Amino acid sequence: MRDDDTLWTRRGQLPADLARLESDLTQLPLPEEPDWNEIRRPRPRHLAWVWAAAAALAMVAVAGQWLWRDGWRVETLAGSPDLRGPALGSRLALGGALATDRGSRARLIVRGLGRVDLEPGSVLRRVPGGRGERRLALDHGTLHASIVAPPRQFVVETRSGVATDLGCAYTLAVDRGGDGRLAVTSGRVAFGGQGRESFVPAGAWCPLTPEGVGPPRRDYASDAFLAALAAYDQPGCAATVLDTVLAAAEASDAITLWHLLPRVAGAERERVARRIAGLIEVPANVAFERVLALEPEALDEWWAAIGMGPAHEWRAGRRKKVLEL
């Protein structure tokens, strides 16, 4: 740059073309001076969408944490069990279902209580329970429950009724029509539904139907007694079948006969009661007529005489009068 360059020093005369350009530019209007005190920082576009996305992510995170903490762990024993509804990873949440096909088996860890093994071709749902209660619903199929917990904290619903765990291990099977079987291998289970109730100790089982639960029977009962009882379970069986049941009964079958009392009436009930009295020593202070009237206290006394402990310890809920069917 030279010191005498007119473009930089503005000394001297500009060339004619630059002089004309300068003259033209000076004629252009200048923009107004902004009010710098009123200038605000521009807001980002789509800010509402950003906040909505952040809120959604937060909800997903909270839901995921709840599913993880509340969910019961599912372990695959065979095949590919299917988790349906609310679930996260291998955890089943409230409202979810666990299903197995013909080639699958699964294990559900009941938090703090034990485990439930689900056999092929089964559907098991986790449903709301009462206070301090873990509850499942077996739509159809077979499960094996192994529970170590205080009584009445684990419950399984079926079409036939409700199995209330009293600290035990048992197998529960039910088909799509509501027919099935409950077999207890340790501890005891109370099963109630359709106005009927059965107390099933270890080493006993009972049939299930859409009409409710049948009387329990010992695994080691005589073949004659089990065959007679199976015939009696059939709807519309001959009246003489009851006589066959009573004749084949032994002292250890008193538990079955006790459950028959509210299931029969009139002369049949009297025959059942007299057979029980002939097999075991019943309380002398309990009038026979009270038993025939199905008075709860009288029935409880006879239950205790069988050696099964206080009846109130078996009942799933509040004491209720046994219904006469």
Protein backbone atom coordinates (compact mmCIF):
# COMPACT_ATOMS: atom_id res chain seq x y z
CA MET A 1 0.00 0.00 0.00
CA ARG A 2 1.35 3.38 -0.99
CA ASP A 3 0.91 6.42 1.23
CA ASP A 4 -0.57 8.37 -1.64
CA ASP A 5 -3.25 5.70 -2.48
CA THR A 6 -6.48 7.68 -2.63
CA LEU A 7 -8.66 4.61 -1.77
CA TRP A 8 -7.03 4.28 1.62
CA THR A 9 -5.89 7.78 2.49
CA ARG A 10 -8.79 9.69 0.82
CA ARG A 11 -6.21 12.24 -0.24
CA GLY A 12 -6.45 13.27 -3.79
CA GLN A 13 -9.07 12.77 -6.48
CA LEU A 14 -10.91 9.41 -6.89
CA PRO A 15 -11.13 7.90 -10.32
CA ALA A 16 -14.29 8.91 -12.17
CA ASP A 17 -16.00 5.49 -11.95
CA LEU A 18 -15.38 5.14 -8.20
CA ALA A 19 -16.53 8.71 -7.65
CA ARG A 20 -19.83 7.91 -9.38
CA LEU A 21 -20.25 4.70 -7.27
CA GLU A 22 -19.62 6.59 -4.07
CA SER A 23 -22.17 9.21 -5.07
CA ASP A 24 -24.80 6.57 -5.84
CA LEU A 25 -24.27 4.71 -2.53
CA THR A 26 -24.69 7.87 -0.48
CA GLN A 27 -28.19 8.26 -1.97
CA LEU A 28 -29.40 4.94 -0.51
CA PRO A 29 -31.56 5.14 2.72
CA LEU A 30 -30.03 3.76 5.89
CA PRO A 31 -31.96 1.21 8.07
CA GLU A 32 -33.43 2.46 11.31
CA GLU A 33 -31.34 2.04 14.44
CA PRO A 34 -32.75 -0.87 16.48
CA ASP A 35 -33.92 -0.38 20.06
CA TRP A 36 -31.34 -2.47 21.76
CA ASN A 37 -33.35 -2.50 25.05
CA GLU A 38 -36.26 -4.32 23.36
CA ILE A 39 -34.24 -7.05 21.75
CA ARG A 40 -35.07 -10.51 23.20
CA ARG A 41 -33.33 -13.78 22.74
CA PRO A 42 -35.24 -15.80 20.13
CA ARG A 43 -36.87 -19.02 21.43
CA PRO A 44 -35.89 -22.30 19.83
CA ARG A 45 -38.38 -23.66 17.38
CA HIS A 46 -40.42 -26.75 18.34
CA LEU A 47 -39.80 -26.14 22.08
CA ALA A 48 -43.16 -27.75 22.97
CA TRP A 49 -42.21 -30.87 21.05
CA VAL A 50 -38.90 -31.03 22.89
CA TRP A 51 -40.62 -30.85 26.28
CA ALA A 52 -43.20 -33.45 25.23
CA ALA A 53 -40.46 -35.81 24.10
CA ALA A 54 -38.58 -35.30 27.36
CA ALA A 55 -41.74 -35.99 29.38
CA ALA A 56 -42.43 -39.14 27.36
CA LEU A 57 -38.91 -40.39 27.93
CA ALA A 58 -39.26 -39.73 31.65
CA MET A 59 -42.53 -41.69 31.75
CA VAL A 60 -40.94 -44.57 29.87
CA ALA A 61 -38.06 -44.58 32.33
CA VAL A 62 -40.40 -44.58 35.34
CA ALA A 63 -42.56 -47.32 33.81
CA GLY A 64 -39.51 -49.38 33.00
CA GLN A 65 -38.21 -49.03 36.54
CA TRP A 66 -41.61 -50.04 37.94
CA LEU A 67 -41.83 -53.06 35.64
CA TRP A 68 -38.34 -54.12 36.62
CA ARG A 69 -38.88 -53.73 40.37
CA ASP A 70 -42.45 -55.08 40.51
CA GLY A 71 -42.06 -57.78 37.86
CA TRP A 72 -41.65 -61.45 38.78
CA ARG A 73 -38.72 -63.16 37.11
CA VAL A 74 -39.49 -65.77 34.46
CA GLU A 75 -37.01 -68.56 33.71
CA THR A 76 -37.19 -70.72 30.61
CA LEU A 77 -37.12 -74.44 31.37
CA ALA A 78 -37.75 -75.62 27.80
CA GLY A 79 -38.72 -74.20 24.44
CA SER A 80 -39.80 -70.57 24.08
CA PRO A 81 -42.36 -69.41 26.65
CA ASP A 82 -44.30 -66.31 25.66
CA LEU A 83 -44.68 -63.21 27.84
CA ARG A 84 -47.78 -61.18 27.02
CA GLY A 85 -48.97 -57.79 28.19
CA PRO A 86 -47.00 -55.75 30.75
CA ALA A 87 -43.52 -57.27 30.82
CA LEU A 88 -39.94 -56.09 30.65
CA GLY A 89 -37.20 -58.42 29.59
CA SER A 90 -37.85 -61.65 31.46
CA ARG A 91 -40.10 -60.14 34.15
CA LEU A 92 -43.89 -60.50 34.39
CA ALA A 93 -45.72 -57.47 35.75
CA LEU A 94 -49.25 -57.13 37.10
CA GLY A 95 -51.71 -57.60 34.26
CA GLY A 96 -49.31 -59.65 32.17
CA ALA A 97 -49.56 -63.30 31.14
CA LEU A 98 -47.17 -66.21 30.72
CA ALA A 99 -48.03 -68.77 28.04
CA THR A 100 -46.38 -72.03 27.01
CA ASP A 101 -46.92 -73.98 23.81
CA ARG A 102 -46.64 -77.74 23.45
CA GLY A 103 -42.85 -77.65 23.57
CA SER A 104 -42.32 -75.04 26.28
CA ARG A 105 -42.01 -75.00 30.05
CA ALA A 106 -41.36 -72.00 32.27
CA ARG A 107 -40.70 -71.11 35.89
CA LEU A 108 -42.17 -68.04 37.55
CA ILE A 109 -40.40 -66.79 40.66
CA VAL A 110 -43.04 -65.49 43.08
CA ARG A 111 -41.15 -62.75 44.87
CA GLY A 112 -40.52 -63.61 48.49
CA LEU A 113 -42.73 -66.72 48.46
CA GLY A 114 -41.44 -69.44 46.16
CA ARG A 115 -41.88 -70.56 42.56
CA VAL A 116 -44.45 -71.82 40.08
CA ASP A 117 -43.53 -74.16 37.22
CA LEU A 118 -45.80 -73.99 34.18
CA GLU A 119 -46.22 -77.08 32.03
CA PRO A 120 -46.70 -77.10 28.21
CA GLY A 121 -49.97 -75.82 26.80
CA SER A 122 -50.77 -73.46 29.68
CA VAL A 123 -51.73 -69.82 30.20
CA LEU A 124 -51.08 -68.15 33.54
CA ARG A 125 -51.96 -64.53 34.32
CA ARG A 126 -50.84 -62.23 37.10
CA VAL A 127 -53.91 -60.53 38.59
CA PRO A 128 -54.54 -58.08 41.47
CA GLY A 129 -54.72 -59.64 44.91
CA GLY A 130 -55.90 -58.58 48.32
CA ARG A 131 -53.76 -56.91 50.93
CA GLY A 132 -50.44 -58.71 51.27
CA GLU A 133 -51.57 -61.33 48.74
CA ARG A 134 -49.88 -62.63 45.58
CA ARG A 135 -52.50 -63.82 43.10
CA LEU A 136 -52.39 -65.66 39.78
CA ALA A 137 -55.09 -66.93 37.43
CA LEU A 138 -54.66 -70.25 35.63
CA ASP A 139 -56.78 -69.97 32.48
CA HIS A 140 -55.93 -73.51 31.44
CA GLY A 141 -53.05 -75.96 31.73
CA THR A 142 -50.98 -77.30 34.60
CA LEU A 143 -48.82 -75.65 37.23
CA HIS A 144 -46.68 -76.89 40.09
CA ALA A 145 -46.48 -74.46 43.01
CA SER A 146 -43.82 -74.64 45.71
CA ILE A 147 -44.51 -71.97 48.32
CA VAL A 148 -42.79 -71.30 51.63
CA ALA A 149 -44.72 -68.45 53.23
CA PRO A 150 -47.35 -67.70 55.88
CA PRO A 151 -50.83 -69.01 55.02
CA ARG A 152 -53.12 -67.20 52.58
CA GLN A 153 -50.44 -65.10 50.90
CA PHE A 154 -50.48 -67.03 47.63
CA VAL A 155 -53.71 -67.60 45.69
CA VAL A 156 -54.50 -69.11 42.28
CA GLU A 157 -57.81 -68.56 40.52
CA THR A 158 -59.37 -71.10 38.14
CA ARG A 159 -62.73 -71.47 36.41
CA SER A 160 -63.74 -73.90 39.15
CA GLY A 161 -62.74 -71.80 42.15
CA VAL A 162 -59.79 -70.45 44.07
CA ALA A 163 -56.86 -72.36 45.59
CA THR A 164 -55.51 -70.68 48.73
CA ASP A 165 -52.06 -71.82 49.75
CA LEU A 166 -51.57 -72.61 53.42
CA GLY A 167 -47.82 -73.20 53.05
CA CYS A 168 -47.27 -76.12 50.73
CA ALA A 169 -46.45 -77.64 47.37
CA TYR A 170 -49.17 -78.72 45.00
CA THR A 171 -50.13 -79.42 41.40
CA LEU A 172 -53.13 -77.68 39.86
CA ALA A 173 -54.51 -78.61 36.45
CA VAL A 174 -57.61 -77.33 34.68
CA ASP A 175 -58.83 -77.55 31.10
CA ARG A 176 -60.62 -74.92 29.06
CA GLY A 177 -64.00 -76.20 30.25
CA GLY A 178 -63.20 -75.93 33.95
CA ASP A 179 -62.57 -79.61 34.72
CA GLY A 180 -59.37 -80.42 36.52
CA ARG A 181 -57.57 -81.69 39.58
CA LEU A 182 -55.79 -80.33 42.64
CA ALA A 183 -53.16 -82.61 44.24
CA VAL A 184 -51.21 -81.56 47.34
CA THR A 185 -47.77 -83.05 47.96
CA SER A 186 -46.83 -81.13 51.12
CA GLY A 187 -48.59 -78.77 53.50
CA ARG A 188 -52.23 -78.03 52.74
CA VAL A 189 -54.52 -76.08 50.40
CA ALA A 190 -58.03 -74.69 50.84
CA PHE A 191 -60.06 -74.67 47.63
CA GLY A 192 -63.38 -72.88 47.41
CA GLY A 193 -65.83 -71.96 44.72
CA GLN A 194 -69.48 -72.23 43.63
CA GLY A 195 -70.59 -72.51 47.26
CA ARG A 196 -68.33 -75.46 48.02
CA GLU A 197 -65.14 -75.71 49.99
CA SER A 198 -62.54 -78.45 50.34
CA PHE A 199 -59.62 -78.71 52.75
CA VAL A 200 -56.90 -80.73 51.04
CA PRO A 201 -53.92 -81.94 53.10
CA ALA A 202 -50.67 -83.41 51.81
CA GLY A 203 -51.17 -86.81 50.23
CA ALA A 204 -54.68 -86.00 49.02
CA TRP A 205 -56.34 -84.68 45.88
CA CYS A 206 -59.73 -83.51 44.73
CA PRO A 207 -61.49 -83.21 41.36
CA LEU A 208 -62.51 -79.84 39.92
CA THR A 209 -65.56 -79.16 37.75
CA PRO A 210 -67.37 -76.03 36.54
CA GLU A 211 -69.82 -76.69 39.38
CA GLY A 212 -67.06 -76.44 41.98
CA VAL A 213 -64.66 -78.66 43.87
CA GLY A 214 -65.27 -82.28 44.81
CA PRO A 215 -64.47 -83.89 48.17
CA PRO A 216 -60.77 -84.64 48.73
CA ARG A 217 -59.53 -88.21 48.90
CA ARG A 218 -56.29 -89.77 50.10
CA ASP A 219 -53.73 -90.94 47.54
CA TYR A 220 -53.39 -94.22 49.44
CA ALA A 221 -57.14 -94.90 49.77
CA SER A 222 -58.23 -98.35 48.69
CA ASP A 223 -58.96 -98.96 45.04
CA ALA A 224 -62.51 -99.91 45.94
CA PHE A 225 -63.13 -96.63 47.75
CA LEU A 226 -61.58 -94.51 44.98
CA ALA A 227 -63.57 -96.33 42.31
CA ALA A 228 -66.82 -95.90 44.24
CA LEU A 229 -66.07 -92.22 44.81
CA ALA A 230 -65.26 -91.69 41.13
CA ALA A 231 -68.68 -93.13 40.27
CA TYR A 232 -70.28 -90.88 42.88
CA ASP A 233 -68.59 -87.83 41.30
CA GLN A 234 -70.53 -88.36 38.09
CA PRO A 235 -73.69 -86.25 37.73
CA GLY A 236 -76.90 -88.22 38.02
CA CYS A 237 -75.30 -91.27 39.63
CA ALA A 238 -77.60 -93.87 41.20
CA ALA A 239 -78.56 -93.37 44.84
CA THR A 240 -77.05 -96.73 45.70
CA VAL A 241 -73.56 -95.49 44.76
CA LEU A 242 -73.35 -93.61 48.08
CA ASP A 243 -73.89 -96.89 49.94
CA THR A 244 -70.94 -98.36 48.02
CA VAL A 245 -68.78 -95.38 49.00
CA LEU A 246 -69.69 -95.73 52.67
CA ALA A 247 -69.12 -99.48 52.70
CA ALA A 248 -65.63 -99.13 51.18
CA ALA A 249 -64.57 -96.27 53.49
CA GLU A 250 -61.87 -96.79 56.11
CA ALA A 251 -60.91 -94.64 59.10
CA SER A 252 -58.45 -92.62 57.00
CA ASP A 253 -61.31 -91.81 54.61
CA ALA A 254 -63.20 -89.87 57.28
CA ILE A 255 -61.81 -86.67 55.75
CA THR A 256 -63.67 -87.48 52.53
CA LEU A 257 -66.92 -88.38 54.31
CA TRP A 258 -66.77 -85.15 56.35
CA HIS A 259 -66.73 -83.20 53.09
CA LEU A 260 -69.76 -85.16 51.89
CA LEU A 261 -71.93 -83.95 54.77
CA PRO A 262 -72.88 -80.56 53.21
CA ARG A 263 -73.13 -82.16 49.76
CA VAL A 264 -75.98 -84.53 50.65
CA ALA A 265 -79.26 -84.08 52.50
CA GLY A 266 -81.90 -85.92 54.50
CA ALA A 267 -81.39 -89.62 55.02
CA GLU A 268 -78.19 -89.63 52.97
CA ARG A 269 -76.56 -87.10 55.30
CA GLU A 270 -77.54 -89.15 58.32
CA ARG A 271 -76.00 -92.28 56.79
CA VAL A 272 -72.76 -90.40 56.10
CA ALA A 273 -72.62 -88.98 59.63
CA ARG A 274 -73.23 -92.38 61.23
CA ARG A 275 -70.51 -93.94 59.08
CA ILE A 276 -68.03 -91.27 60.25
CA ALA A 277 -69.00 -91.94 63.85
CA GLY A 278 -68.43 -95.63 63.24
CA LEU A 279 -64.94 -95.08 61.80
CA ILE A 280 -63.48 -92.55 64.28
CA GLU A 281 -64.19 -91.36 67.78
CA VAL A 282 -66.34 -88.25 67.46
CA PRO A 283 -66.76 -85.74 70.33
CA ALA A 284 -69.37 -86.96 72.77
CA ASN A 285 -70.35 -83.42 73.72
CA VAL A 286 -71.50 -82.58 70.17
CA ALA A 287 -75.09 -83.54 69.60
CA PHE A 288 -75.68 -85.63 66.48
CA GLU A 289 -78.54 -83.37 65.45
CA ARG A 290 -76.22 -80.36 65.35
CA VAL A 291 -74.00 -82.12 62.83
CA LEU A 292 -77.01 -83.03 60.70
CA ALA A 293 -78.07 -79.37 60.84
CA LEU A 294 -74.61 -78.40 59.56
CA GLU A 295 -73.91 -76.11 62.50
CA PRO A 296 -70.41 -74.71 61.85
CA GLU A 297 -69.20 -75.27 65.43
CA ALA A 298 -70.35 -78.89 65.40
CA LEU A 299 -68.73 -79.58 62.03
CA ASP A 300 -65.51 -77.98 63.26
CA GLU A 301 -65.47 -80.27 66.29
CA TRP A 302 -65.81 -83.32 64.09
CA TRP A 303 -63.09 -82.00 61.77
CA ALA A 304 -60.71 -81.67 64.69
CA ALA A 305 -61.57 -85.23 65.73
CA ILE A 306 -60.30 -86.46 62.36
CA GLY A 307 -56.88 -85.10 63.33
CA MET A 308 -56.67 -82.22 60.86
CA GLY A 309 -56.33 -79.44 63.42
CA PRO A 310 -58.67 -76.49 64.02
CA ALA A 311 -60.95 -75.87 61.05
CA HIS A 312 -60.57 -72.09 61.27
CA GLU A 313 -56.91 -72.47 60.33
CA TRP A 314 -57.99 -73.93 57.00
CA ARG A 315 -60.53 -71.38 55.95
CA ALA A 316 -59.33 -68.85 53.41
CA GLY A 317 -61.41 -65.99 54.74
CA ARG A 318 -63.78 -65.10 57.52
CA ARG A 319 -65.80 -67.89 59.06
CA LYS A 320 -68.89 -68.62 56.99
CA LYS A 321 -71.63 -71.11 57.49
CA VAL A 322 -71.25 -74.14 55.24
CA LEU A 323 -73.86 -74.02 52.51
CA GLU A 324 -76.23 -76.91 52.13
CA LEU A 325 -76.37 -77.98 48.51
